[in-house]
Amino acid sequence: MYLYRAWLKQSVTNLTDISPVQLKTLGNEVANRLRNAIRTGEFPLGTRLVERELAERLGVSRIPVREAIQQLVEEGLVQKTPHRGTFVHSPTRSEIEEISSLRVLLECFVVERVIVNWLPEHEARLRQIVATMRATAAQNDLQGLFEQDYLFHSALWEIANHSLLLEVVSGLRARINRFLGEATALLPASQLDMHIDSHDEMIDILKKRDVGEAKAEITRHVIGAKTRILAYLDFQEAPATDSEF
């Protein structure tokens, strides 16, 4: 019995020499690259994704590209159409309505959790993000503005500190983030300052720990984004009219 225990202890000790398992596969890395390209607009809505071309561009074989595309299909960012190919998914009006209503529910829960967990250092962190938003807007850098807007909402989710919620909605985050990016890109120049100011107003409300007002503000924020996107879709779908001379 003593010899067995000694052998078992030695066996467990030897395991520490084994290198850690790398959980991130090449397919996941390719998926991250493609997801970011979609989010930033490098691959606009409706762009056809060809495995061979993507593999050559990324310097990988077609297998991880195929795995990545399937992952994005499951996330709703990419759509496979029989006999036509694979395309960056263009959301319908119905989908935008559904994403918006779901985002209202999620974000209201998040701000409620943020208020429960609120600490002085959270204000400093969020104010810094808003300051960077103003700097990027001053340079007319809409992509940079989106990145900071995304960072602001990600910080709220982090402060909310609800790991199970993040696990449940992890598959939806990509769609929500793309929705956020599209809404930011459609901001008229005249509304940039107002949009950025709304983030400062949210911080003020969170600091006051007013749950009702925080939920009302985040709801206005989400509905405003939805309204911009739907107005853009209406414009895109509107039939062209002949000019009269």
Protein backbone atom coordinates (compact mmCIF):
# COMPACT_ATOMS: atom_id res chain seq x y z
CA MET A 1 0.00 0.00 0.00
CA TYR A 2 2.84 2.36 0.87
CA LEU A 3 4.57 1.63 -2.45
CA TYR A 4 1.32 2.30 -4.34
CA ARG A 5 0.85 5.68 -2.66
CA ALA A 6 4.46 6.60 -3.39
CA TRP A 7 4.02 5.62 -7.03
CA LEU A 8 0.73 7.59 -7.29
CA LYS A 9 2.34 10.69 -5.78
CA GLN A 10 5.25 10.43 -8.20
CA SER A 11 2.85 9.99 -11.14
CA VAL A 12 0.87 13.11 -10.22
CA THR A 13 4.10 15.08 -9.75
CA ASN A 14 5.26 14.08 -13.21
CA LEU A 15 2.07 15.54 -14.72
CA THR A 16 3.30 19.04 -13.90
CA ASP A 17 5.91 18.61 -16.65
CA ILE A 18 3.20 18.32 -19.30
CA SER A 19 2.67 21.46 -21.35
CA PRO A 20 -0.74 23.18 -20.97
CA VAL A 21 -3.36 22.23 -23.53
CA GLN A 22 -3.93 24.95 -26.11
CA LEU A 23 -7.69 25.42 -26.27
CA LYS A 24 -7.67 27.94 -29.13
CA THR A 25 -7.61 26.01 -32.39
CA LEU A 26 -6.68 27.39 -35.79
CA GLY A 27 -10.36 27.28 -36.70
CA ASN A 28 -11.18 29.54 -33.74
CA GLU A 29 -8.45 31.97 -34.75
CA VAL A 30 -9.78 32.14 -38.31
CA ALA A 31 -13.30 32.65 -36.94
CA ASN A 32 -12.03 35.57 -34.84
CA ARG A 33 -10.40 37.15 -37.90
CA LEU A 34 -13.55 36.78 -40.01
CA ARG A 35 -15.83 37.94 -37.19
CA ASN A 36 -13.74 41.07 -36.75
CA ALA A 37 -13.73 41.72 -40.51
CA ILE A 38 -17.53 41.53 -40.52
CA ARG A 39 -17.84 43.71 -37.43
CA THR A 40 -15.56 46.42 -38.80
CA GLY A 41 -17.20 46.47 -42.22
CA GLU A 42 -14.22 45.04 -44.09
CA PHE A 43 -16.68 42.37 -45.21
CA PRO A 44 -19.93 44.32 -45.75
CA LEU A 45 -23.37 42.74 -45.50
CA GLY A 46 -24.00 40.42 -48.44
CA THR A 47 -20.31 39.78 -49.14
CA ARG A 48 -19.70 36.33 -50.59
CA LEU A 49 -17.17 34.28 -48.60
CA VAL A 50 -15.17 31.84 -50.74
CA GLU A 51 -13.19 29.24 -48.81
CA ARG A 52 -10.30 29.07 -51.29
CA GLU A 53 -9.85 32.85 -51.41
CA LEU A 54 -10.04 33.20 -47.63
CA ALA A 55 -7.55 30.37 -47.11
CA GLU A 56 -5.06 32.02 -49.48
CA ARG A 57 -5.54 35.41 -47.86
CA LEU A 58 -5.07 34.05 -44.33
CA GLY A 59 -2.27 31.64 -45.23
CA VAL A 60 -4.06 28.54 -43.96
CA SER A 61 -5.64 25.43 -45.44
CA ARG A 62 -9.33 25.34 -46.30
CA ILE A 63 -10.17 23.08 -43.33
CA PRO A 64 -9.91 25.76 -40.57
CA VAL A 65 -11.68 28.21 -42.88
CA ARG A 66 -14.54 25.73 -43.28
CA GLU A 67 -14.67 25.26 -39.49
CA ALA A 68 -14.68 29.01 -38.94
CA ILE A 69 -17.46 29.62 -41.44
CA GLN A 70 -19.61 26.95 -39.80
CA GLN A 71 -19.02 28.62 -36.44
CA LEU A 72 -20.16 31.98 -37.84
CA VAL A 73 -23.19 30.32 -39.42
CA GLU A 74 -24.19 29.06 -35.96
CA GLU A 75 -23.73 32.59 -34.59
CA GLY A 76 -25.99 34.02 -37.28
CA LEU A 77 -23.30 36.21 -38.86
CA VAL A 78 -22.97 34.12 -42.00
CA GLN A 79 -25.60 32.43 -44.13
CA LYS A 80 -25.18 29.46 -46.46
CA THR A 81 -27.49 29.44 -49.47
CA PRO A 82 -27.83 26.19 -51.47
CA HIS A 83 -26.39 26.42 -55.02
CA ARG A 84 -25.32 30.05 -54.42
CA GLY A 85 -22.64 30.05 -51.75
CA THR A 86 -21.85 31.56 -48.36
CA PHE A 87 -22.56 35.21 -47.59
CA VAL A 88 -22.28 37.68 -44.74
CA HIS A 89 -25.80 37.67 -43.36
CA SER A 90 -28.00 40.71 -44.02
CA PRO A 91 -30.51 41.03 -41.15
CA THR A 92 -34.17 41.46 -41.94
CA ARG A 93 -36.44 44.04 -40.30
CA SER A 94 -37.98 41.25 -38.22
CA GLU A 95 -34.55 40.13 -37.00
CA ILE A 96 -33.57 43.69 -36.07
CA GLU A 97 -36.80 44.02 -34.08
CA GLU A 98 -36.09 40.74 -32.29
CA ILE A 99 -32.45 41.62 -31.55
CA SER A 100 -33.55 45.01 -30.21
CA SER A 101 -36.22 43.60 -27.91
CA LEU A 102 -33.79 40.97 -26.62
CA ARG A 103 -31.07 43.55 -26.13
CA VAL A 104 -33.43 45.73 -24.08
CA LEU A 105 -34.07 42.80 -21.73
CA LEU A 106 -30.39 41.92 -21.42
CA GLU A 107 -29.09 45.46 -21.02
CA CYS A 108 -31.74 46.30 -18.40
CA PHE A 109 -30.64 43.29 -16.38
CA VAL A 110 -27.00 44.29 -16.86
CA VAL A 111 -27.43 47.87 -15.57
CA GLU A 112 -29.36 46.52 -12.58
CA ARG A 113 -26.39 44.25 -11.79
CA VAL A 114 -23.94 47.10 -12.41
CA ILE A 115 -25.69 49.25 -9.81
CA VAL A 116 -25.46 46.42 -7.28
CA ASN A 117 -21.72 46.04 -7.94
CA TRP A 118 -20.92 49.76 -8.43
CA LEU A 119 -17.56 51.00 -7.14
CA PRO A 120 -15.86 54.43 -7.54
CA GLU A 121 -13.21 52.97 -9.85
CA HIS A 122 -15.93 51.90 -12.28
CA GLU A 123 -16.82 55.55 -12.90
CA ALA A 124 -13.21 56.44 -13.70
CA ARG A 125 -12.94 53.54 -16.14
CA LEU A 126 -16.15 54.39 -17.97
CA ARG A 127 -15.38 58.14 -18.09
CA GLN A 128 -12.04 57.37 -19.74
CA ILE A 129 -13.80 55.35 -22.44
CA VAL A 130 -16.21 58.23 -23.10
CA ALA A 131 -13.27 60.66 -23.31
CA THR A 132 -11.70 58.44 -25.96
CA MET A 133 -15.03 58.34 -27.80
CA ARG A 134 -14.95 62.14 -28.01
CA ALA A 135 -11.37 62.09 -29.27
CA THR A 136 -12.16 59.61 -32.05
CA ALA A 137 -15.32 61.50 -33.02
CA ALA A 138 -13.31 64.72 -33.28
CA GLN A 139 -11.14 62.95 -35.86
CA ASN A 140 -14.26 61.71 -37.68
CA ASP A 141 -13.11 58.16 -36.96
CA LEU A 142 -16.41 56.26 -36.88
CA GLN A 143 -14.65 52.91 -36.67
CA GLY A 144 -12.73 54.09 -33.62
CA LEU A 145 -15.94 55.44 -32.14
CA PHE A 146 -17.61 52.08 -32.59
CA GLU A 147 -14.67 50.31 -30.94
CA GLN A 148 -15.02 52.55 -27.88
CA ASP A 149 -18.81 52.21 -27.85
CA TYR A 150 -18.36 48.44 -27.91
CA LEU A 151 -15.78 48.72 -25.12
CA PHE A 152 -18.19 50.79 -23.00
CA HIS A 153 -20.95 48.18 -23.19
CA SER A 154 -18.47 45.34 -22.69
CA ALA A 155 -17.26 47.09 -19.54
CA LEU A 156 -20.85 47.22 -18.24
CA TRP A 157 -21.24 43.48 -18.86
CA GLU A 158 -17.96 42.86 -17.06
CA ILE A 159 -18.98 45.01 -14.07
CA ALA A 160 -22.31 43.15 -13.96
CA ASN A 161 -20.23 40.06 -13.14
CA HIS A 162 -22.73 37.35 -14.12
CA SER A 163 -20.77 34.53 -15.73
CA LEU A 164 -23.82 32.31 -16.33
CA LEU A 165 -25.56 35.10 -18.24
CA LEU A 166 -22.50 35.54 -20.45
CA GLU A 167 -22.40 31.79 -21.06
CA VAL A 168 -26.07 31.67 -22.04
CA VAL A 169 -25.91 34.63 -24.44
CA SER A 170 -22.39 34.06 -25.80
CA GLY A 171 -23.83 32.95 -29.14
CA LEU A 172 -25.92 36.11 -29.37
CA ARG A 173 -23.18 38.58 -28.47
CA ALA A 174 -21.76 38.55 -32.00
CA ARG A 175 -25.12 39.58 -33.47
CA ILE A 176 -25.64 42.22 -30.80
CA ASN A 177 -22.16 43.63 -31.36
CA ARG A 178 -22.71 43.83 -35.11
CA PHE A 179 -26.04 45.54 -34.45
CA LEU A 180 -24.17 48.06 -32.30
CA GLY A 181 -21.59 48.63 -35.03
CA GLU A 182 -24.21 49.25 -37.69
CA ALA A 183 -26.08 51.67 -35.44
CA THR A 184 -22.89 53.64 -34.74
CA ALA A 185 -21.95 53.80 -38.41
CA LEU A 186 -25.35 55.31 -39.24
CA LEU A 187 -25.04 58.18 -36.77
CA PRO A 188 -25.38 61.56 -38.53
CA ALA A 189 -22.51 63.94 -37.77
CA SER A 190 -24.98 66.29 -36.08
CA GLN A 191 -25.89 63.57 -33.55
CA LEU A 192 -22.41 62.34 -32.63
CA ASP A 193 -22.04 64.63 -29.62
CA MET A 194 -25.54 63.77 -28.40
CA HIS A 195 -24.79 60.05 -28.73
CA ILE A 196 -21.54 60.36 -26.78
CA ASP A 197 -23.19 62.56 -24.12
CA SER A 198 -25.76 59.82 -23.54
CA HIS A 199 -22.96 57.59 -22.25
CA ASP A 200 -21.94 60.22 -19.70
CA GLU A 201 -25.58 60.53 -18.68
CA MET A 202 -25.73 56.76 -18.17
CA ILE A 203 -22.69 56.92 -15.89
CA ASP A 204 -24.37 59.69 -13.85
CA ILE A 205 -27.46 57.53 -13.44
CA LEU A 206 -25.47 54.44 -12.46
CA LYS A 207 -23.53 56.52 -9.95
CA LYS A 208 -26.84 57.62 -8.37
CA ARG A 209 -27.87 53.94 -8.20
CA ASP A 210 -31.25 54.73 -9.72
CA VAL A 211 -32.35 51.39 -11.18
CA GLY A 212 -35.57 52.66 -12.77
CA GLU A 213 -33.88 55.59 -14.50
CA ALA A 214 -30.97 53.39 -15.62
CA LYS A 215 -33.34 50.91 -17.27
CA ALA A 216 -35.25 53.74 -18.96
CA GLU A 217 -32.02 55.29 -20.29
CA ILE A 218 -30.56 52.05 -21.64
CA THR A 219 -33.92 51.29 -23.29
CA ARG A 220 -33.86 54.70 -25.04
CA HIS A 221 -30.30 53.96 -26.11
CA VAL A 222 -31.22 50.62 -27.71
CA ILE A 223 -34.43 51.88 -29.34
CA GLY A 224 -32.53 54.83 -30.81
CA ALA A 225 -30.06 52.43 -32.44
CA LYS A 226 -32.89 50.30 -33.80
CA THR A 227 -34.65 53.36 -35.23
CA ARG A 228 -31.52 54.44 -37.12
CA ILE A 229 -31.02 51.01 -38.66
CA LEU A 230 -34.67 50.61 -39.70
CA ALA A 231 -34.68 54.09 -41.23
CA TYR A 232 -31.59 53.13 -43.21
CA LEU A 233 -33.26 49.93 -44.42
CA ASP A 234 -36.33 51.91 -45.49
CA PHE A 235 -34.07 54.22 -47.48
CA GLN A 236 -32.28 51.29 -49.12
CA GLU A 237 -35.53 49.55 -50.02
CA ALA A 238 -37.33 52.66 -51.28
CA PRO A 239 -37.96 52.46 -55.06
CA ALA A 240 -36.16 55.01 -57.16
CA THR A 241 -38.38 57.72 -58.67
CA ASP A 242 -37.90 59.47 -61.96
CA SER A 243 -37.02 63.13 -61.75
CA GLU A 244 -39.42 65.56 -63.39
CA PHE A 245 -38.02 68.26 -65.64
